[in-house]
């Protein structure tokens, strides 16, 4: 399903237990799954517009899991679990409420996405009473509906004005995304194009992966990018995309997209502070979300760390993730966050890209796009500039940090000016060839210095 445009799967397979546990799998029609989830999580007596908003969030959450092959790319034979710590509530054999069934039948070929991105939104939500989060509040949606809000108004209130409802999505049978045979140099077609597109997106977070042009032709540039990816993630660097490499690319692609789209998680990069020490089971709030974000980031690159929900609640799953992180980094395994654990978490967050063989640092110098970048420019080159600046800002506080969105707007221009001032370049706010080269060198120098300090 991960190939091409999103569609509604005819069926979905639910694991009746936490991720990785020994439990039964149940396969059922997607619409019936949503009816069960909605009947398990909300009340049929709620205002209809509140029910609609919740159903749309539940559909989008489930579709995100299926579309990104979140569990299948990790080797599991299911699409989603019924663990509320990780996914949505599902009760096998439960009663389905009549009005919820009717509303779901109307809506199940719709989902939420951010403007300009067809990926189903990872629509985090919580009940709003026992648990609070920065996603949709289920009880809060009731209050808004009673105040006259439509389902769309409720959705935009919680997820942002750039969230749209995609309707009339086709229903198709689920098929595994892996094409069935390895892809290598000389191959061409849609599967090659998909690999190239994902590697190009991953490269925003891993500038040491050489650039590749998504043209559907598996040439030497694609092989070089695949080999670099394989080395970074400890795969056999043969430049061939077999099942293992295919799903690792799919998993990392889903991870970097999810980590860069943090509005639905309630955490923004610029909100991350320099300490999350003093947190333990029972802690709640913004710092716990920051901790969970950092752990989620680390989990994308270390399979011994379990994936957790960013919900601001330090429960058993978060404790397990902290303990796994501590074990991985040779810290006392307590499941609580002391100053040492906090410090290493931030070191990993800032320097994880540098925990690589030193020869990869030379690949960090992405190719200059051939023309100066200035306000109004959109594209991967702007994303590279933003990524460079954010990395450099860790060692040069006068350089302003940015959202990596591929848009060279006023904030990017100001950050470029701050870099130019700090490095003795003409202060223009324009990234010309000299500024690009200086950024690449500063990135490389910072990465080399951090490589010495990681671990």
Protein backbone atom coordinates (compact mmCIF):
# COMPACT_ATOMS: atom_id res chain seq x y z
CA UNK A 1 0.00 0.00 0.00
CA UNK A 2 2.92 2.34 0.57
CA UNK A 3 3.38 2.78 -3.18
CA UNK A 4 1.51 5.48 -5.07
CA UNK A 5 -1.41 7.42 -3.69
CA UNK A 6 -3.07 6.33 -0.43
CA UNK A 7 -6.18 4.21 -0.71
CA UNK A 8 -8.52 2.60 1.76
CA UNK A 9 -7.58 -1.06 2.31
CA UNK A 10 -10.40 -3.59 2.03
CA UNK A 11 -9.16 -5.24 5.22
CA UNK A 12 -6.85 -4.49 8.14
CA UNK A 13 -5.06 -6.95 10.43
CA UNK A 14 -5.17 -6.12 14.15
CA UNK A 15 -2.81 -7.62 16.74
CA UNK A 16 -4.76 -8.21 19.95
CA UNK A 17 -1.97 -7.17 22.29
CA UNK A 18 0.96 -4.79 22.67
CA UNK A 19 3.51 -4.58 19.83
CA UNK A 20 5.78 -7.62 19.80
CA UNK A 21 3.63 -9.67 22.19
CA UNK A 22 2.35 -13.20 21.56
CA UNK A 23 -1.30 -12.62 20.78
CA UNK A 24 -3.96 -13.38 18.21
CA UNK A 25 -4.20 -11.46 14.94
CA UNK A 26 -7.65 -10.60 13.58
CA UNK A 27 -8.28 -9.57 9.95
CA UNK A 28 -11.52 -7.76 9.22
CA UNK A 29 -12.98 -5.17 6.81
CA UNK A 30 -11.44 -1.74 7.38
CA UNK A 31 -14.85 -0.08 7.87
CA UNK A 32 -15.80 -2.68 10.51
CA UNK A 33 -12.51 -2.03 12.31
CA UNK A 34 -13.24 1.71 12.51
CA UNK A 35 -16.79 1.04 13.74
CA UNK A 36 -15.33 -1.10 16.52
CA UNK A 37 -12.70 1.48 17.47
CA UNK A 38 -15.24 4.31 17.51
CA UNK A 39 -17.73 2.24 19.56
CA UNK A 40 -14.91 1.41 22.01
CA UNK A 41 -13.60 4.94 22.41
CA UNK A 42 -16.50 7.39 22.15
CA UNK A 43 -20.16 7.53 23.13
CA UNK A 44 -23.13 7.26 20.73
CA UNK A 45 -24.93 10.00 22.68
CA UNK A 46 -22.32 12.60 21.68
CA UNK A 47 -23.26 15.30 19.14
CA UNK A 48 -22.97 14.00 15.60
CA UNK A 49 -20.30 16.53 14.57
CA UNK A 50 -18.11 15.40 17.49
CA UNK A 51 -18.56 11.76 16.43
CA UNK A 52 -17.62 12.68 12.87
CA UNK A 53 -14.46 14.48 13.97
CA UNK A 54 -13.39 11.52 16.12
CA UNK A 55 -14.09 8.98 13.39
CA UNK A 56 -11.99 10.99 10.93
CA UNK A 57 -9.11 11.07 13.42
CA UNK A 58 -9.41 7.32 14.01
CA UNK A 59 -9.45 6.60 10.26
CA UNK A 60 -6.38 8.77 9.66
CA UNK A 61 -4.46 7.22 12.53
CA UNK A 62 -5.13 3.70 11.23
CA UNK A 63 -4.40 4.62 7.61
CA UNK A 64 -1.08 6.18 8.65
CA UNK A 65 -0.11 2.88 10.26
CA UNK A 66 -1.10 0.94 7.12
CA UNK A 67 0.22 3.42 4.54
CA UNK A 68 3.67 3.72 6.16
CA UNK A 69 3.77 -0.06 6.82
CA UNK A 70 4.74 0.93 10.35
CA UNK A 71 4.60 -2.59 11.78
CA UNK A 72 5.17 -4.62 8.62
CA UNK A 73 8.42 -2.74 7.93
CA UNK A 74 9.56 -3.96 11.36
CA UNK A 75 8.91 -7.59 10.48
CA UNK A 76 5.44 -8.00 12.05
CA UNK A 77 2.56 -9.67 10.22
CA UNK A 78 -0.08 -7.12 11.21
CA UNK A 79 -0.99 -3.51 10.49
CA UNK A 80 -1.93 -2.16 13.92
CA UNK A 81 -2.39 -3.30 17.53
CA UNK A 82 -5.25 -2.86 19.97
CA UNK A 83 -2.89 -1.51 22.65
CA UNK A 84 -4.01 2.00 23.59
CA UNK A 85 -0.44 2.75 24.68
CA UNK A 86 0.63 2.43 21.04
CA UNK A 87 -2.48 2.52 18.86
CA UNK A 88 -6.30 2.48 19.21
CA UNK A 89 -8.77 0.52 21.29
CA UNK A 90 -10.30 -2.50 19.55
CA UNK A 91 -12.43 -5.07 21.35
CA UNK A 92 -13.03 -8.31 19.43
CA UNK A 93 -16.73 -9.13 19.22
CA UNK A 94 -18.01 -5.96 20.85
CA UNK A 95 -21.40 -4.36 20.15
CA UNK A 96 -21.39 -1.67 17.45
CA UNK A 97 -23.62 1.37 18.03
CA UNK A 98 -26.10 2.01 15.21
CA UNK A 99 -25.42 5.73 14.71
CA UNK A 100 -21.65 5.22 14.86
CA UNK A 101 -21.97 2.49 12.23
CA UNK A 102 -23.97 4.82 9.97
CA UNK A 103 -21.52 7.71 10.33
CA UNK A 104 -18.54 5.42 9.72
CA UNK A 105 -20.12 4.08 6.52
CA UNK A 106 -20.40 7.69 5.32
CA UNK A 107 -16.83 8.63 6.27
CA UNK A 108 -14.59 5.58 5.93
CA UNK A 109 -13.41 6.59 2.43
CA UNK A 110 -12.14 9.91 3.84
CA UNK A 111 -9.08 10.80 5.88
CA UNK A 112 -7.06 13.78 7.12
CA UNK A 113 -3.83 15.12 5.64
CA UNK A 114 -1.80 18.30 5.73
CA UNK A 115 -2.06 20.57 2.71
CA UNK A 116 0.49 19.51 0.10
CA UNK A 117 1.08 16.07 1.66
CA UNK A 118 -1.15 13.14 0.68
CA UNK A 119 0.09 10.94 3.53
CA UNK A 120 -2.69 10.22 6.05
CA UNK A 121 -2.12 12.37 9.13
CA UNK A 122 -0.75 10.65 12.21
CA UNK A 123 -3.77 12.01 14.09
CA UNK A 124 -2.85 11.71 17.76
CA UNK A 125 -5.77 12.12 20.17
CA UNK A 126 -6.70 11.52 23.81
CA UNK A 127 -9.81 11.61 25.98
CA UNK A 128 -9.11 15.12 27.29
CA UNK A 129 -10.04 14.26 30.90
CA UNK A 130 -7.93 11.44 32.26
CA UNK A 131 -5.27 12.11 29.65
CA UNK A 132 -4.47 15.41 27.94
CA UNK A 133 -2.41 15.93 24.79
CA UNK A 134 -1.84 18.42 22.01
CA UNK A 135 -3.85 16.32 19.56
CA UNK A 136 -7.62 16.05 19.45
CA UNK A 137 -9.36 16.04 22.84
CA UNK A 138 -12.31 13.67 22.58
CA UNK A 139 -14.32 15.33 25.34
CA UNK A 140 -13.18 18.73 24.09
CA UNK A 141 -14.66 17.88 20.71
CA UNK A 142 -18.01 17.38 22.45
CA UNK A 143 -17.84 20.87 23.94
CA UNK A 144 -16.97 22.37 20.56
CA UNK A 145 -19.78 20.51 18.81
CA UNK A 146 -22.26 21.76 21.40
CA UNK A 147 -20.96 25.26 20.74
CA UNK A 148 -21.89 24.86 17.06
CA UNK A 149 -18.58 23.75 15.56
CA UNK A 150 -18.70 21.48 12.51
CA UNK A 151 -16.54 18.35 12.34
CA UNK A 152 -14.12 20.17 10.02
CA UNK A 153 -13.93 23.14 12.42
CA UNK A 154 -13.17 20.74 15.29
CA UNK A 155 -10.45 19.02 13.26
CA UNK A 156 -8.79 22.32 12.33
CA UNK A 157 -9.01 23.56 15.93
CA UNK A 158 -6.89 20.66 17.14
CA UNK A 159 -4.65 19.84 14.19
CA UNK A 160 -4.20 23.22 12.50
CA UNK A 161 -5.74 25.20 9.67
CA UNK A 162 -3.59 23.43 7.08
CA UNK A 163 -5.28 20.07 7.70
CA UNK A 164 -7.70 19.00 4.99
CA UNK A 165 -10.29 16.24 4.63
CA UNK A 166 -9.50 14.03 1.63
CA UNK A 167 -12.72 12.41 0.40
CA UNK A 168 -13.83 9.70 -2.04
CA UNK A 169 -10.64 7.69 -1.63
CA UNK A 170 -10.77 4.39 -3.57
CA UNK A 171 -10.98 1.06 -1.72
CA UNK A 172 -8.50 -1.59 -2.86
CA UNK A 173 -7.10 -4.88 -1.66
CA UNK A 174 -3.94 -4.65 0.45
CA UNK A 175 -0.70 -5.71 -1.19
CA UNK A 176 2.76 -5.83 0.31
CA UNK A 177 4.86 -2.96 -1.03
CA UNK A 178 8.01 -5.02 -1.62
CA UNK A 179 7.99 -5.87 -5.34
CA UNK A 180 9.05 -9.50 -4.76
CA UNK A 181 12.58 -9.48 -6.19
CA UNK A 182 15.72 -7.38 -5.51
CA UNK A 183 16.15 -4.08 -7.35
CA UNK A 184 19.62 -3.20 -8.62
CA UNK A 185 21.62 -1.12 -11.05
CA UNK A 186 20.13 -1.24 -14.55
CA UNK A 187 16.53 -1.64 -13.32
CA UNK A 188 13.87 0.98 -14.00
CA UNK A 189 10.25 1.74 -13.25
CA UNK A 190 7.94 2.84 -10.44
CA UNK A 191 9.68 0.81 -7.74
CA UNK A 192 12.99 2.50 -8.56
CA UNK A 193 11.28 5.89 -8.54
CA UNK A 194 9.80 5.14 -5.10
CA UNK A 195 13.23 4.19 -3.71
CA UNK A 196 14.77 7.35 -5.12
CA UNK A 197 11.99 9.57 -3.77
CA UNK A 198 12.31 8.12 -0.29
CA UNK A 199 16.09 8.32 -0.25
CA UNK A 200 15.85 11.96 -1.31
CA UNK A 201 13.52 12.64 1.63
CA UNK A 202 15.70 10.68 4.06
CA UNK A 203 18.72 12.65 2.86
CA UNK A 204 17.29 15.81 4.45
CA UNK A 205 18.00 14.20 7.82
CA UNK A 206 21.12 12.36 6.61
CA UNK A 207 23.05 14.77 4.36
CA UNK A 208 25.88 12.23 4.08
CA UNK A 209 23.69 10.23 1.67
CA UNK A 210 24.70 11.46 -1.79
CA UNK A 211 21.99 13.17 -3.85
CA UNK A 212 19.88 11.09 -6.20
CA UNK A 213 17.54 12.26 -8.95
CA UNK A 214 14.11 10.55 -8.87
CA UNK A 215 13.90 9.53 -12.53
CA UNK A 216 12.98 5.84 -12.26
CA UNK A 217 16.38 4.71 -13.59
CA UNK A 218 18.62 2.78 -11.16
CA UNK A 219 21.99 4.23 -12.15
CA UNK A 220 25.30 4.72 -10.38
CA UNK A 221 24.00 7.69 -8.34
CA UNK A 222 21.13 5.57 -6.98
CA UNK A 223 23.48 2.69 -6.22
CA UNK A 224 25.80 5.07 -4.33
CA UNK A 225 22.86 6.43 -2.30
CA UNK A 226 21.66 2.90 -1.50
CA UNK A 227 25.15 1.85 -0.40
CA UNK A 228 25.49 4.91 1.86
CA UNK A 229 22.08 4.19 3.38
CA UNK A 230 23.00 0.55 3.96
CA UNK A 231 26.24 1.50 5.73
CA UNK A 232 24.49 4.02 7.95
CA UNK A 233 21.95 1.41 9.09
CA UNK A 234 24.38 -1.51 9.32
CA UNK A 235 23.10 -3.43 6.32
CA UNK A 236 25.18 -5.30 3.74
CA UNK A 237 26.39 -2.44 1.53
CA UNK A 238 25.96 -4.19 -1.82
CA UNK A 239 23.87 -1.39 -3.40
CA UNK A 240 21.02 -3.85 -4.04
CA UNK A 241 17.55 -3.19 -2.63
CA UNK A 242 16.40 -6.55 -1.33
CA UNK A 243 13.57 -7.11 1.14
CA UNK A 244 15.64 -6.02 4.15
CA UNK A 245 16.86 -2.78 2.54
CA UNK A 246 13.42 -2.07 1.04
CA UNK A 247 11.69 -2.20 4.41
CA UNK A 248 14.50 -0.39 6.21
CA UNK A 249 14.14 2.46 3.70
CA UNK A 250 10.36 2.34 4.24
CA UNK A 251 10.77 2.40 8.03
CA UNK A 252 13.29 5.26 8.11
CA UNK A 253 11.27 7.23 5.55
CA UNK A 254 8.18 6.89 7.74
CA UNK A 255 10.25 7.82 10.79
CA UNK A 256 11.79 11.01 9.41
CA UNK A 257 8.45 12.14 7.99
CA UNK A 258 6.74 11.50 11.31
CA UNK A 259 9.50 13.16 13.33
CA UNK A 260 9.45 16.22 11.10
CA UNK A 261 5.65 16.56 11.28
CA UNK A 262 5.50 17.15 15.02
CA UNK A 263 2.36 19.26 15.17
CA UNK A 264 0.36 16.06 15.55
CA UNK A 265 2.72 14.97 18.34
CA UNK A 266 2.61 18.23 20.31
CA UNK A 267 6.39 18.75 20.17
CA UNK A 268 8.35 21.18 18.00
CA UNK A 269 12.10 21.00 17.50
CA UNK A 270 12.60 24.51 18.79
CA UNK A 271 10.73 23.60 21.97
CA UNK A 272 13.24 20.91 22.97
CA UNK A 273 15.13 22.02 26.10
CA UNK A 274 18.55 20.94 27.37
CA UNK A 275 17.44 18.70 30.23
CA UNK A 276 14.69 16.21 30.89
CA UNK A 277 16.23 15.02 34.15
CA UNK A 278 14.01 14.27 37.14
CA UNK A 279 11.29 12.41 35.25
CA UNK A 280 9.93 9.06 36.41
CA UNK A 281 6.79 6.88 36.28
CA UNK A 282 3.82 9.12 37.07
CA UNK A 283 5.35 12.31 35.64
CA UNK A 284 3.24 14.16 33.08
CA UNK A 285 3.41 17.26 30.91
CA UNK A 286 5.53 18.96 28.28
CA UNK A 287 8.87 17.64 29.54
CA UNK A 288 7.61 14.08 29.33
CA UNK A 289 6.58 14.70 25.72
CA UNK A 290 10.08 16.03 25.06
CA UNK A 291 11.56 12.91 26.63
CA UNK A 292 9.28 10.69 24.56
CA UNK A 293 10.20 12.57 21.40
CA UNK A 294 13.91 12.03 22.09
CA UNK A 295 13.35 8.35 22.81
CA UNK A 296 11.28 7.99 19.64
CA UNK A 297 14.08 9.60 17.65
CA UNK A 298 16.65 7.22 19.18
CA UNK A 299 14.35 4.24 18.52
CA UNK A 300 14.44 4.94 14.79
CA UNK A 301 18.14 4.05 14.83
CA UNK A 302 18.35 1.44 17.60
CA UNK A 303 15.90 -1.47 17.44
CA UNK A 304 16.53 -2.37 21.10
CA UNK A 305 14.58 0.75 22.14
CA UNK A 306 10.79 0.20 21.92
CA UNK A 307 8.61 2.68 20.06
CA UNK A 308 6.33 4.70 22.32
CA UNK A 309 3.43 7.08 21.99
CA UNK A 310 4.21 10.76 22.58
CA UNK A 311 1.38 11.52 24.97
CA UNK A 312 3.04 13.35 27.88
CA UNK A 313 2.44 10.49 30.31
CA UNK A 314 5.39 8.65 31.87
CA UNK A 315 3.86 5.19 32.04
CA UNK A 316 5.26 1.66 31.91
CA UNK A 317 6.01 1.79 28.18
CA UNK A 318 8.05 4.99 28.60
CA UNK A 319 9.88 3.45 31.56
CA UNK A 320 10.76 0.44 29.40
CA UNK A 321 12.06 2.72 26.64
CA UNK A 322 14.19 4.70 29.13
CA UNK A 323 15.61 1.45 30.56
CA UNK A 324 16.38 0.14 27.06
CA UNK A 325 18.11 3.40 26.16
CA UNK A 326 20.15 3.27 29.36
CA UNK A 327 21.19 -0.31 28.63
CA UNK A 328 22.15 0.59 25.06
CA UNK A 329 24.36 3.45 26.25
CA UNK A 330 25.96 1.70 29.25
CA UNK A 331 24.11 3.80 31.83
CA UNK A 332 22.69 2.49 35.13
CA UNK A 333 19.40 0.84 34.16
CA UNK A 334 16.84 2.47 36.46
CA UNK A 335 14.00 3.41 34.14
CA UNK A 336 14.20 6.95 35.58
CA UNK A 337 15.81 9.94 33.91
CA UNK A 338 18.75 11.35 35.85
CA UNK A 339 21.17 14.03 34.64
CA UNK A 340 23.47 11.47 33.02
CA UNK A 341 20.63 9.88 31.03
CA UNK A 342 19.31 13.30 30.01
CA UNK A 343 22.74 14.38 28.85
CA UNK A 344 23.30 11.28 26.73
CA UNK A 345 19.80 11.58 25.23
CA UNK A 346 20.61 15.07 24.00
CA UNK A 347 24.03 13.98 22.77
CA UNK A 348 22.35 11.27 20.72
CA UNK A 349 19.70 13.67 19.45
CA UNK A 350 22.28 16.23 18.34
CA UNK A 351 25.00 13.90 17.22
CA UNK A 352 23.38 10.66 16.05
CA UNK A 353 24.21 11.42 12.43
CA UNK A 354 27.88 11.57 13.32
CA UNK A 355 28.12 8.12 14.94
CA UNK A 356 29.43 6.84 11.64
CA UNK A 357 32.78 5.91 10.05
CA UNK A 358 34.71 9.12 9.46
CA UNK A 359 34.76 8.68 5.69
CA UNK A 360 31.02 9.46 5.64
CA UNK A 361 31.74 13.02 6.68
CA UNK A 362 33.07 13.83 3.22
CA UNK A 363 29.68 12.91 1.76
CA UNK A 364 28.03 15.62 3.84
CA UNK A 365 28.99 18.23 1.31
CA UNK A 366 25.86 18.20 -0.82
CA UNK A 367 26.22 19.53 -4.34
CA UNK A 368 25.59 23.27 -4.81
CA UNK A 369 22.35 23.68 -6.82
CA UNK A 370 24.05 25.92 -9.40
CA UNK A 371 22.32 29.20 -8.57
CA UNK A 372 21.99 31.39 -5.45
CA UNK A 373 19.10 30.63 -3.12
CA UNK A 374 17.07 33.58 -1.89
CA UNK A 375 13.69 34.36 -0.34
CA UNK A 376 10.84 32.61 -2.13
CA UNK A 377 12.83 29.55 -3.21
CA UNK A 378 11.26 26.15 -2.51
CA UNK A 379 12.88 22.74 -2.86
CA UNK A 380 15.35 20.22 -1.51
CA UNK A 381 18.26 22.67 -1.67
CA UNK A 382 16.44 24.93 0.81
CA UNK A 383 15.89 21.91 3.08
CA UNK A 384 19.62 21.17 2.92
CA UNK A 385 20.45 24.75 3.89
CA UNK A 386 18.02 24.56 6.82
CA UNK A 387 19.45 21.22 7.94
CA UNK A 388 23.00 22.57 7.76
CA UNK A 389 22.06 25.67 9.75
CA UNK A 390 20.29 23.69 12.47
CA UNK A 391 23.30 21.42 12.84
CA UNK A 392 25.73 24.35 12.92
CA UNK A 393 23.53 26.21 15.43
CA UNK A 394 24.31 23.59 18.06
CA UNK A 395 27.93 24.83 18.14
CA UNK A 396 27.29 28.43 17.07
CA UNK A 397 24.41 29.80 19.18
CA UNK A 398 24.25 33.05 17.20
CA UNK A 399 22.95 31.08 14.22
CA UNK A 400 19.15 30.90 14.36
CA UNK A 401 17.45 27.47 14.21
CA UNK A 402 14.70 26.72 11.68
CA UNK A 403 11.92 24.36 10.73
CA UNK A 404 13.09 22.10 7.89
CA UNK A 405 10.27 22.67 5.41
CA UNK A 406 12.02 23.34 2.09
CA UNK A 407 10.80 26.95 1.97
CA UNK A 408 13.43 29.71 1.88
CA UNK A 409 11.36 32.33 3.65
CA UNK A 410 12.26 35.36 5.81
CA UNK A 411 13.29 33.17 8.77
CA UNK A 412 15.67 31.15 6.61
CA UNK A 413 17.13 34.32 5.12
CA UNK A 414 17.69 35.74 8.62
CA UNK A 415 19.35 32.52 9.78
CA UNK A 416 21.62 32.66 6.73
CA UNK A 417 22.53 36.25 7.65
CA UNK A 418 23.37 35.15 11.19
CA UNK A 419 25.60 32.42 9.76
CA UNK A 420 27.28 34.88 7.41
CA UNK A 421 27.99 37.27 10.29
CA UNK A 422 29.43 34.49 12.42
CA UNK A 423 31.70 33.22 9.64
CA UNK A 424 32.90 36.56 8.19
CA UNK A 425 30.93 36.45 4.93
CA UNK A 426 29.04 39.29 3.23
CA UNK A 427 25.72 39.58 5.10
CA UNK A 428 23.17 39.22 2.29
CA UNK A 429 20.78 36.49 3.44
CA UNK A 430 21.37 34.82 0.08
CA UNK A 431 23.05 31.42 -0.13
CA UNK A 432 25.51 31.85 -2.96
CA UNK A 433 28.27 29.39 -3.85
CA UNK A 434 30.65 30.80 -1.23
CA UNK A 435 28.03 30.66 1.56
CA UNK A 436 26.99 27.14 0.54
CA UNK A 437 30.61 25.94 0.64
CA UNK A 438 31.16 27.62 4.03
CA UNK A 439 28.04 25.95 5.43
CA UNK A 440 29.15 22.55 4.13
CA UNK A 441 32.60 23.00 5.67
CA UNK A 442 31.15 24.17 9.00
CA UNK A 443 28.79 21.18 9.00
CA UNK A 444 31.69 18.81 8.33
CA UNK A 445 33.90 20.42 10.98
CA UNK A 446 31.09 20.28 13.59
CA UNK A 447 30.30 16.67 12.73
CA UNK A 448 33.96 15.66 13.00
CA UNK A 449 34.27 17.35 16.41
CA UNK A 450 31.12 15.66 17.70
CA UNK A 451 32.22 12.26 16.42
CA UNK A 452 35.01 12.37 18.98
CA UNK A 453 32.53 13.03 21.81
CA UNK A 454 29.75 10.57 20.89
CA UNK A 455 29.83 7.58 23.22
